[in-house]
């Protein structure tokens, strides 16, 4: 696994189908058309106003973050640069690579954030201290 930068992360459009007068459907399948195989799905909801989530990085985990309802901001940081993404469409997902710090905030009322992850939960994969993250990024580049 290489050292990923902020420029590797991007918003991608999920497959979607329009059902005239019946609503739309977005589809994800582990069929090789996606950057990683999904092994875990979870979602955040009822996030209180003013609260933030995230504030960590992963050593090996890939994620796709989707605002399935409502909206929120995701700020990504690779140790050199930061960029914020406003997510508010259920057919768009923010692809986040390993070694990228993320913070989610400014949740709208009723917002639901769904995350597709490349592996099951592993406490050892998390970097929860920002200074430790910066040190990790320095050693990763050597």
N, C-alpha and C. Protein backbone atom coordinates (compact mmCIF):
# COMPACT_ATOMS: atom_id res chain seq x y z
N UNK A 1 0.85 -1.17 0.00
CA UNK A 1 0.00 0.00 0.00
C UNK A 1 0.90 1.23 0.00
N UNK A 2 0.56 2.17 -0.89
CA UNK A 2 1.34 3.39 -0.99
C UNK A 2 0.88 4.45 -0.01
N UNK A 3 1.57 5.56 -0.06
CA UNK A 3 1.21 6.71 0.76
C UNK A 3 0.22 7.55 -0.01
N UNK A 4 -1.00 7.66 0.48
CA UNK A 4 -2.04 8.39 -0.23
C UNK A 4 -2.06 9.85 0.18
N UNK A 5 -2.44 10.69 -0.76
CA UNK A 5 -2.54 12.13 -0.56
C UNK A 5 -4.00 12.54 -0.70
N UNK A 6 -4.28 13.75 -0.30
CA UNK A 6 -5.62 14.31 -0.41
C UNK A 6 -6.11 14.27 -1.85
N UNK A 7 -5.22 14.49 -2.80
CA UNK A 7 -5.61 14.50 -4.22
C UNK A 7 -6.11 13.14 -4.70
N UNK A 8 -5.83 12.05 -3.96
CA UNK A 8 -6.35 10.73 -4.33
C UNK A 8 -7.83 10.60 -3.99
N UNK A 9 -8.27 11.32 -2.97
CA UNK A 9 -9.66 11.25 -2.53
C UNK A 9 -10.53 12.06 -3.49
N UNK A 10 -11.75 11.59 -3.71
CA UNK A 10 -12.63 12.28 -4.65
C UNK A 10 -14.08 11.86 -4.42
N UNK A 11 -14.98 12.68 -4.92
CA UNK A 11 -16.39 12.35 -4.91
C UNK A 11 -16.67 11.52 -6.15
N UNK A 12 -17.34 10.39 -5.95
CA UNK A 12 -17.70 9.54 -7.09
C UNK A 12 -19.21 9.39 -7.14
N UNK A 13 -19.72 9.17 -8.32
CA UNK A 13 -21.16 8.99 -8.51
C UNK A 13 -21.47 7.50 -8.54
N UNK A 14 -22.41 7.11 -7.71
CA UNK A 14 -22.85 5.72 -7.67
C UNK A 14 -23.81 5.45 -8.82
N UNK A 15 -23.89 4.21 -9.22
CA UNK A 15 -24.86 3.82 -10.24
C UNK A 15 -26.25 4.20 -9.73
N UNK A 16 -27.02 4.84 -10.58
CA UNK A 16 -28.39 5.18 -10.16
C UNK A 16 -29.34 5.01 -11.32
N UNK A 17 -30.56 4.69 -10.95
CA UNK A 17 -31.62 4.45 -11.93
C UNK A 17 -32.82 5.30 -11.55
N UNK A 18 -33.41 5.92 -12.54
CA UNK A 18 -34.57 6.79 -12.31
C UNK A 18 -35.85 5.99 -12.55
N UNK A 19 -36.73 6.03 -11.58
CA UNK A 19 -38.03 5.39 -11.74
C UNK A 19 -39.09 6.48 -11.85
N UNK A 20 -39.55 6.70 -13.04
CA UNK A 20 -40.54 7.75 -13.24
C UNK A 20 -41.67 7.62 -12.24
N UNK A 21 -41.83 8.67 -11.44
CA UNK A 21 -42.88 8.77 -10.42
C UNK A 21 -42.78 7.72 -9.31
N UNK A 22 -41.76 6.89 -9.35
CA UNK A 22 -41.61 5.88 -8.30
C UNK A 22 -40.36 6.06 -7.49
N UNK A 23 -39.60 7.12 -7.77
CA UNK A 23 -38.37 7.36 -7.03
C UNK A 23 -37.16 6.79 -7.74
N UNK A 24 -36.02 7.07 -7.18
CA UNK A 24 -34.75 6.63 -7.76
C UNK A 24 -34.13 5.55 -6.88
N UNK A 25 -33.19 4.83 -7.46
CA UNK A 25 -32.45 3.81 -6.72
C UNK A 25 -30.98 3.94 -7.09
N UNK A 26 -30.12 3.90 -6.09
CA UNK A 26 -28.68 3.85 -6.31
C UNK A 26 -28.21 2.45 -5.93
N UNK A 27 -27.25 1.95 -6.71
CA UNK A 27 -26.84 0.56 -6.56
C UNK A 27 -25.34 0.48 -6.33
N UNK A 28 -24.96 -0.39 -5.41
CA UNK A 28 -23.57 -0.73 -5.23
C UNK A 28 -23.46 -2.25 -5.17
N UNK A 29 -22.48 -2.81 -5.89
CA UNK A 29 -22.25 -4.24 -5.87
C UNK A 29 -20.75 -4.50 -5.82
N UNK A 30 -20.35 -5.56 -5.14
CA UNK A 30 -18.95 -5.98 -5.14
C UNK A 30 -18.68 -6.77 -6.42
N UNK A 31 -18.64 -6.06 -7.53
CA UNK A 31 -18.45 -6.72 -8.82
C UNK A 31 -17.20 -6.23 -9.55
N UNK A 32 -16.31 -5.56 -8.83
CA UNK A 32 -15.09 -5.06 -9.44
C UNK A 32 -15.21 -3.67 -10.04
N UNK A 33 -16.40 -3.10 -10.02
CA UNK A 33 -16.59 -1.77 -10.60
C UNK A 33 -16.35 -0.67 -9.57
N UNK A 34 -15.93 -1.06 -8.39
CA UNK A 34 -15.74 -0.13 -7.29
C UNK A 34 -14.31 -0.25 -6.80
N UNK A 35 -13.71 0.80 -6.22
CA UNK A 35 -12.29 0.76 -5.83
C UNK A 35 -11.91 -0.23 -4.73
N UNK A 36 -12.89 -0.76 -4.01
CA UNK A 36 -12.59 -1.75 -2.97
C UNK A 36 -13.81 -2.62 -2.74
N UNK A 37 -13.60 -3.79 -2.15
CA UNK A 37 -14.71 -4.67 -1.80
C UNK A 37 -15.24 -4.26 -0.43
N UNK A 38 -16.54 -4.12 -0.32
CA UNK A 38 -17.15 -3.69 0.94
C UNK A 38 -17.30 -4.89 1.87
N UNK A 39 -16.76 -4.72 3.10
CA UNK A 39 -16.87 -5.76 4.11
C UNK A 39 -17.64 -5.29 5.33
N UNK A 40 -17.93 -3.98 5.40
CA UNK A 40 -18.66 -3.44 6.55
C UNK A 40 -19.44 -2.21 6.10
N UNK A 41 -20.66 -2.09 6.59
CA UNK A 41 -21.50 -0.92 6.34
C UNK A 41 -22.04 -0.44 7.68
N UNK A 42 -21.94 0.86 7.92
CA UNK A 42 -22.55 1.43 9.12
C UNK A 42 -23.07 2.81 8.80
N UNK A 43 -23.92 3.34 9.68
CA UNK A 43 -24.45 4.67 9.43
C UNK A 43 -24.60 5.45 10.72
N UNK A 44 -24.44 6.76 10.57
CA UNK A 44 -24.57 7.71 11.68
C UNK A 44 -25.89 8.45 11.51
N UNK A 45 -26.60 8.66 12.59
CA UNK A 45 -27.86 9.39 12.54
C UNK A 45 -28.13 10.01 13.89
N UNK A 46 -29.10 10.92 13.95
CA UNK A 46 -29.42 11.64 15.18
C UNK A 46 -28.20 12.32 15.79
N UNK A 47 -27.31 12.83 14.93
CA UNK A 47 -26.14 13.55 15.41
C UNK A 47 -26.63 14.91 15.91
N UNK A 48 -26.39 15.25 17.17
CA UNK A 48 -26.88 16.53 17.71
C UNK A 48 -26.28 17.73 16.99
N UNK A 49 -27.05 18.81 16.92
CA UNK A 49 -26.56 20.04 16.31
C UNK A 49 -25.26 20.49 16.96
N UNK A 50 -24.30 20.89 16.16
CA UNK A 50 -23.03 21.35 16.67
C UNK A 50 -22.02 20.25 16.96
N UNK A 51 -22.46 18.99 16.90
CA UNK A 51 -21.55 17.87 17.18
C UNK A 51 -20.73 17.54 15.93
N UNK A 52 -19.59 16.92 16.16
CA UNK A 52 -18.77 16.45 15.04
C UNK A 52 -18.46 14.97 15.27
N UNK A 53 -18.13 14.31 14.18
CA UNK A 53 -17.78 12.88 14.22
C UNK A 53 -16.45 12.70 13.50
N UNK A 54 -15.94 11.51 13.56
CA UNK A 54 -14.68 11.23 12.90
C UNK A 54 -13.51 11.61 13.77
N UNK A 55 -12.74 12.58 13.32
CA UNK A 55 -11.52 13.01 14.01
C UNK A 55 -10.58 11.82 14.20
N UNK A 56 -10.29 11.15 13.09
CA UNK A 56 -9.36 10.03 13.10
C UNK A 56 -8.92 9.73 11.66
N UNK A 57 -7.95 8.86 11.55
CA UNK A 57 -7.50 8.33 10.26
C UNK A 57 -7.42 6.82 10.40
N UNK A 58 -7.32 6.14 9.27
CA UNK A 58 -7.14 4.70 9.27
C UNK A 58 -5.83 4.36 8.57
N UNK A 59 -5.18 3.33 9.04
CA UNK A 59 -3.91 2.91 8.45
C UNK A 59 -4.13 2.13 7.16
N UNK A 60 -5.18 1.32 7.09
CA UNK A 60 -5.37 0.44 5.93
C UNK A 60 -6.77 0.50 5.34
N UNK A 61 -7.71 1.09 6.03
CA UNK A 61 -9.12 1.04 5.63
C UNK A 61 -9.46 2.07 4.55
N UNK A 62 -10.17 1.63 3.54
CA UNK A 62 -10.76 2.50 2.52
C UNK A 62 -12.22 2.71 2.92
N UNK A 63 -12.76 3.89 2.64
CA UNK A 63 -14.16 4.17 2.96
C UNK A 63 -14.81 4.97 1.85
N UNK A 64 -16.11 4.79 1.72
CA UNK A 64 -16.93 5.65 0.89
C UNK A 64 -17.99 6.23 1.82
N UNK A 65 -18.01 7.56 1.94
CA UNK A 65 -18.92 8.26 2.85
C UNK A 65 -20.04 8.87 2.03
N UNK A 66 -21.30 8.57 2.40
CA UNK A 66 -22.46 9.00 1.62
C UNK A 66 -23.48 9.67 2.52
N UNK A 67 -24.01 10.80 2.09
CA UNK A 67 -25.12 11.45 2.79
C UNK A 67 -26.40 10.86 2.20
N UNK A 68 -26.92 9.80 2.82
CA UNK A 68 -28.12 9.17 2.28
C UNK A 68 -29.36 10.00 2.55
N UNK A 69 -29.28 10.89 3.52
CA UNK A 69 -30.37 11.83 3.82
C UNK A 69 -29.75 13.08 4.44
N UNK A 70 -30.27 14.23 4.09
CA UNK A 70 -29.75 15.46 4.65
C UNK A 70 -28.36 15.80 4.12
N UNK A 71 -27.61 16.52 4.94
CA UNK A 71 -26.29 16.97 4.48
C UNK A 71 -25.33 17.10 5.65
N UNK A 72 -24.04 17.15 5.32
CA UNK A 72 -22.98 17.38 6.31
C UNK A 72 -21.70 17.68 5.55
N UNK A 73 -20.72 18.21 6.27
CA UNK A 73 -19.39 18.49 5.71
C UNK A 73 -18.42 17.40 6.13
N UNK A 74 -17.49 17.08 5.25
CA UNK A 74 -16.39 16.18 5.56
C UNK A 74 -15.11 16.94 5.23
N UNK A 75 -14.24 17.10 6.24
CA UNK A 75 -12.95 17.74 6.01
C UNK A 75 -11.88 16.67 6.03
N UNK A 76 -11.13 16.59 4.94
CA UNK A 76 -10.05 15.62 4.81
C UNK A 76 -8.71 16.34 4.93
N UNK A 77 -7.73 15.61 5.46
CA UNK A 77 -6.42 16.20 5.75
C UNK A 77 -5.37 15.12 5.53
N UNK A 78 -4.37 15.41 4.69
CA UNK A 78 -3.31 14.43 4.46
C UNK A 78 -2.02 14.78 5.18
N UNK A 79 -2.09 15.75 6.10
CA UNK A 79 -0.91 16.18 6.83
C UNK A 79 -0.24 17.38 6.21
N UNK A 80 -0.52 17.62 4.92
CA UNK A 80 0.01 18.79 4.22
C UNK A 80 -1.10 19.75 3.82
N UNK A 81 -2.22 19.20 3.40
CA UNK A 81 -3.35 20.00 2.91
C UNK A 81 -4.64 19.54 3.54
N UNK A 82 -5.61 20.46 3.59
CA UNK A 82 -6.97 20.14 4.03
C UNK A 82 -7.94 20.56 2.94
N UNK A 83 -9.03 19.81 2.82
CA UNK A 83 -10.09 20.17 1.89
C UNK A 83 -11.42 19.71 2.46
N UNK A 84 -12.44 20.56 2.34
CA UNK A 84 -13.78 20.21 2.83
C UNK A 84 -14.68 19.85 1.66
N UNK A 85 -15.54 18.88 1.89
CA UNK A 85 -16.51 18.41 0.91
C UNK A 85 -17.89 18.50 1.54
N UNK A 86 -18.83 19.09 0.83
CA UNK A 86 -20.21 19.17 1.30
C UNK A 86 -20.98 18.05 0.63
N UNK A 87 -21.47 17.11 1.42
CA UNK A 87 -22.22 15.98 0.88
C UNK A 87 -23.70 16.18 1.14
N UNK A 88 -24.50 16.08 0.09
CA UNK A 88 -25.94 16.27 0.23
C UNK A 88 -26.75 15.53 -0.84
N UNK A 89 -26.16 14.58 -1.52
CA UNK A 89 -26.85 13.79 -2.54
C UNK A 89 -26.61 12.31 -2.27
N UNK A 90 -27.66 11.49 -2.22
CA UNK A 90 -27.49 10.07 -1.88
C UNK A 90 -26.83 9.24 -2.98
N UNK A 91 -26.63 9.80 -4.15
CA UNK A 91 -25.97 9.06 -5.24
C UNK A 91 -24.50 9.48 -5.41
N UNK A 92 -24.01 10.33 -4.48
CA UNK A 92 -22.61 10.73 -4.51
C UNK A 92 -21.93 10.27 -3.23
N UNK A 93 -20.73 9.75 -3.37
CA UNK A 93 -19.98 9.30 -2.20
C UNK A 93 -18.56 9.84 -2.23
N UNK A 94 -18.04 10.14 -1.07
CA UNK A 94 -16.67 10.62 -0.95
C UNK A 94 -15.75 9.44 -0.67
N UNK A 95 -14.86 9.16 -1.61
CA UNK A 95 -13.91 8.06 -1.49
C UNK A 95 -12.72 8.53 -0.67
N UNK A 96 -12.49 7.86 0.46
CA UNK A 96 -11.41 8.25 1.37
C UNK A 96 -10.42 7.09 1.46
N UNK A 97 -9.17 7.40 1.17
CA UNK A 97 -8.11 6.41 1.17
C UNK A 97 -7.49 6.28 2.56
N UNK A 98 -6.74 5.20 2.80
CA UNK A 98 -6.03 5.05 4.07
C UNK A 98 -5.04 6.20 4.28
N UNK A 99 -4.79 6.53 5.54
CA UNK A 99 -3.81 7.55 5.86
C UNK A 99 -4.30 8.97 5.67
N UNK A 100 -5.61 9.15 5.62
CA UNK A 100 -6.21 10.48 5.47
C UNK A 100 -7.05 10.76 6.72
N UNK A 101 -6.78 11.87 7.38
CA UNK A 101 -7.54 12.29 8.55
C UNK A 101 -8.89 12.81 8.09
N UNK A 102 -9.97 12.48 8.81
CA UNK A 102 -11.30 12.95 8.44
C UNK A 102 -12.06 13.46 9.65
N UNK A 103 -12.84 14.52 9.41
CA UNK A 103 -13.73 15.08 10.41
C UNK A 103 -15.06 15.40 9.73
N UNK A 104 -16.15 15.01 10.36
CA UNK A 104 -17.50 15.26 9.83
C UNK A 104 -18.21 16.21 10.77
N UNK A 105 -18.84 17.24 10.21
CA UNK A 105 -19.56 18.19 11.05
C UNK A 105 -20.66 18.88 10.25
N UNK A 106 -21.32 19.83 10.89
CA UNK A 106 -22.39 20.61 10.28
C UNK A 106 -23.50 19.71 9.72
N UNK A 107 -23.93 18.74 10.54
CA UNK A 107 -25.00 17.83 10.13
C UNK A 107 -26.33 18.57 10.11
N UNK A 108 -27.08 18.42 9.04
CA UNK A 108 -28.43 18.99 9.00
C UNK A 108 -29.36 18.14 9.86
N UNK A 109 -30.50 18.70 10.19
CA UNK A 109 -31.49 17.95 10.96
C UNK A 109 -31.94 16.74 10.15
N UNK A 110 -31.91 15.58 10.76
CA UNK A 110 -32.33 14.35 10.08
C UNK A 110 -31.29 13.75 9.17
N UNK A 111 -30.07 14.26 9.19
CA UNK A 111 -29.02 13.73 8.31
C UNK A 111 -28.68 12.29 8.69
N UNK A 112 -28.42 11.49 7.65
CA UNK A 112 -27.95 10.12 7.83
C UNK A 112 -26.71 9.95 6.97
N UNK A 113 -25.61 9.56 7.62
CA UNK A 113 -24.33 9.33 6.96
C UNK A 113 -24.08 7.83 6.92
N UNK A 114 -24.01 7.28 5.71
CA UNK A 114 -23.70 5.86 5.56
C UNK A 114 -22.25 5.72 5.10
N UNK A 115 -21.55 4.75 5.70
CA UNK A 115 -20.15 4.52 5.35
C UNK A 115 -19.99 3.07 4.89
N UNK A 116 -19.42 2.91 3.70
CA UNK A 116 -19.04 1.61 3.18
C UNK A 116 -17.55 1.46 3.44
N UNK A 117 -17.14 0.39 4.09
CA UNK A 117 -15.75 0.21 4.49
C UNK A 117 -15.16 -1.07 3.90
N UNK A 118 -13.85 -1.03 3.67
CA UNK A 118 -13.17 -2.14 3.02
C UNK A 118 -12.85 -3.31 3.94
N UNK A 119 -13.09 -3.15 5.24
CA UNK A 119 -12.79 -4.24 6.16
C UNK A 119 -13.66 -4.11 7.41
N UNK A 120 -13.66 -5.14 8.21
CA UNK A 120 -14.41 -5.13 9.46
C UNK A 120 -13.69 -4.22 10.45
N UNK A 121 -14.37 -3.88 11.53
CA UNK A 121 -13.80 -2.99 12.54
C UNK A 121 -12.53 -3.59 13.14
N UNK A 122 -11.51 -2.74 13.26
CA UNK A 122 -10.26 -3.13 13.91
C UNK A 122 -9.73 -1.92 14.68
N UNK A 123 -9.71 -2.02 15.99
CA UNK A 123 -9.23 -0.93 16.84
C UNK A 123 -7.80 -0.53 16.47
N UNK A 124 -6.98 -1.49 16.07
CA UNK A 124 -5.58 -1.24 15.75
C UNK A 124 -5.40 -0.42 14.48
N UNK A 125 -6.42 -0.35 13.63
CA UNK A 125 -6.33 0.38 12.38
C UNK A 125 -6.52 1.89 12.56
N UNK A 126 -7.05 2.31 13.70
CA UNK A 126 -7.37 3.72 13.94
C UNK A 126 -6.16 4.51 14.42
N UNK A 127 -6.07 5.75 13.96
CA UNK A 127 -5.17 6.76 14.53
C UNK A 127 -6.09 7.87 15.02
N UNK A 128 -6.20 8.01 16.34
CA UNK A 128 -7.18 8.94 16.92
C UNK A 128 -6.57 10.24 17.45
N UNK A 129 -5.26 10.33 17.46
CA UNK A 129 -4.57 11.53 17.93
C UNK A 129 -3.94 12.23 16.73
N UNK A 130 -4.24 13.51 16.56
CA UNK A 130 -3.77 14.23 15.37
C UNK A 130 -2.24 14.30 15.31
N UNK A 131 -1.57 14.52 16.43
CA UNK A 131 -0.11 14.58 16.42
C UNK A 131 0.49 13.22 16.04
N UNK A 132 -0.13 12.16 16.53
CA UNK A 132 0.30 10.81 16.15
C UNK A 132 0.09 10.59 14.64
N UNK A 133 -0.99 11.13 14.12
CA UNK A 133 -1.28 11.05 12.68
C UNK A 133 -0.17 11.73 11.87
N UNK A 134 0.22 12.93 12.29
CA UNK A 134 1.27 13.66 11.57
C UNK A 134 2.59 12.90 11.59
N UNK A 135 2.91 12.28 12.72
CA UNK A 135 4.11 11.47 12.82
C UNK A 135 4.01 10.24 11.90
N UNK A 136 2.84 9.62 11.87
CA UNK A 136 2.59 8.47 11.00
C UNK A 136 2.81 8.84 9.53
N UNK A 137 2.31 10.01 9.13
CA UNK A 137 2.47 10.46 7.74
C UNK A 137 3.94 10.69 7.40
N UNK A 138 4.71 11.23 8.36
CA UNK A 138 6.14 11.46 8.12
C UNK A 138 6.87 10.13 7.93
N UNK A 139 6.60 9.16 8.79
CA UNK A 139 7.28 7.87 8.70
C UNK A 139 6.80 7.09 7.47
N UNK A 140 5.56 7.29 7.07
CA UNK A 140 5.00 6.61 5.90
C UNK A 140 5.71 7.07 4.62
N UNK A 141 6.16 8.31 4.59
CA UNK A 141 6.80 8.88 3.40
C UNK A 141 8.28 8.52 3.29
N UNK A 142 8.85 7.97 4.35
CA UNK A 142 10.29 7.63 4.31
C UNK A 142 10.56 6.31 3.66
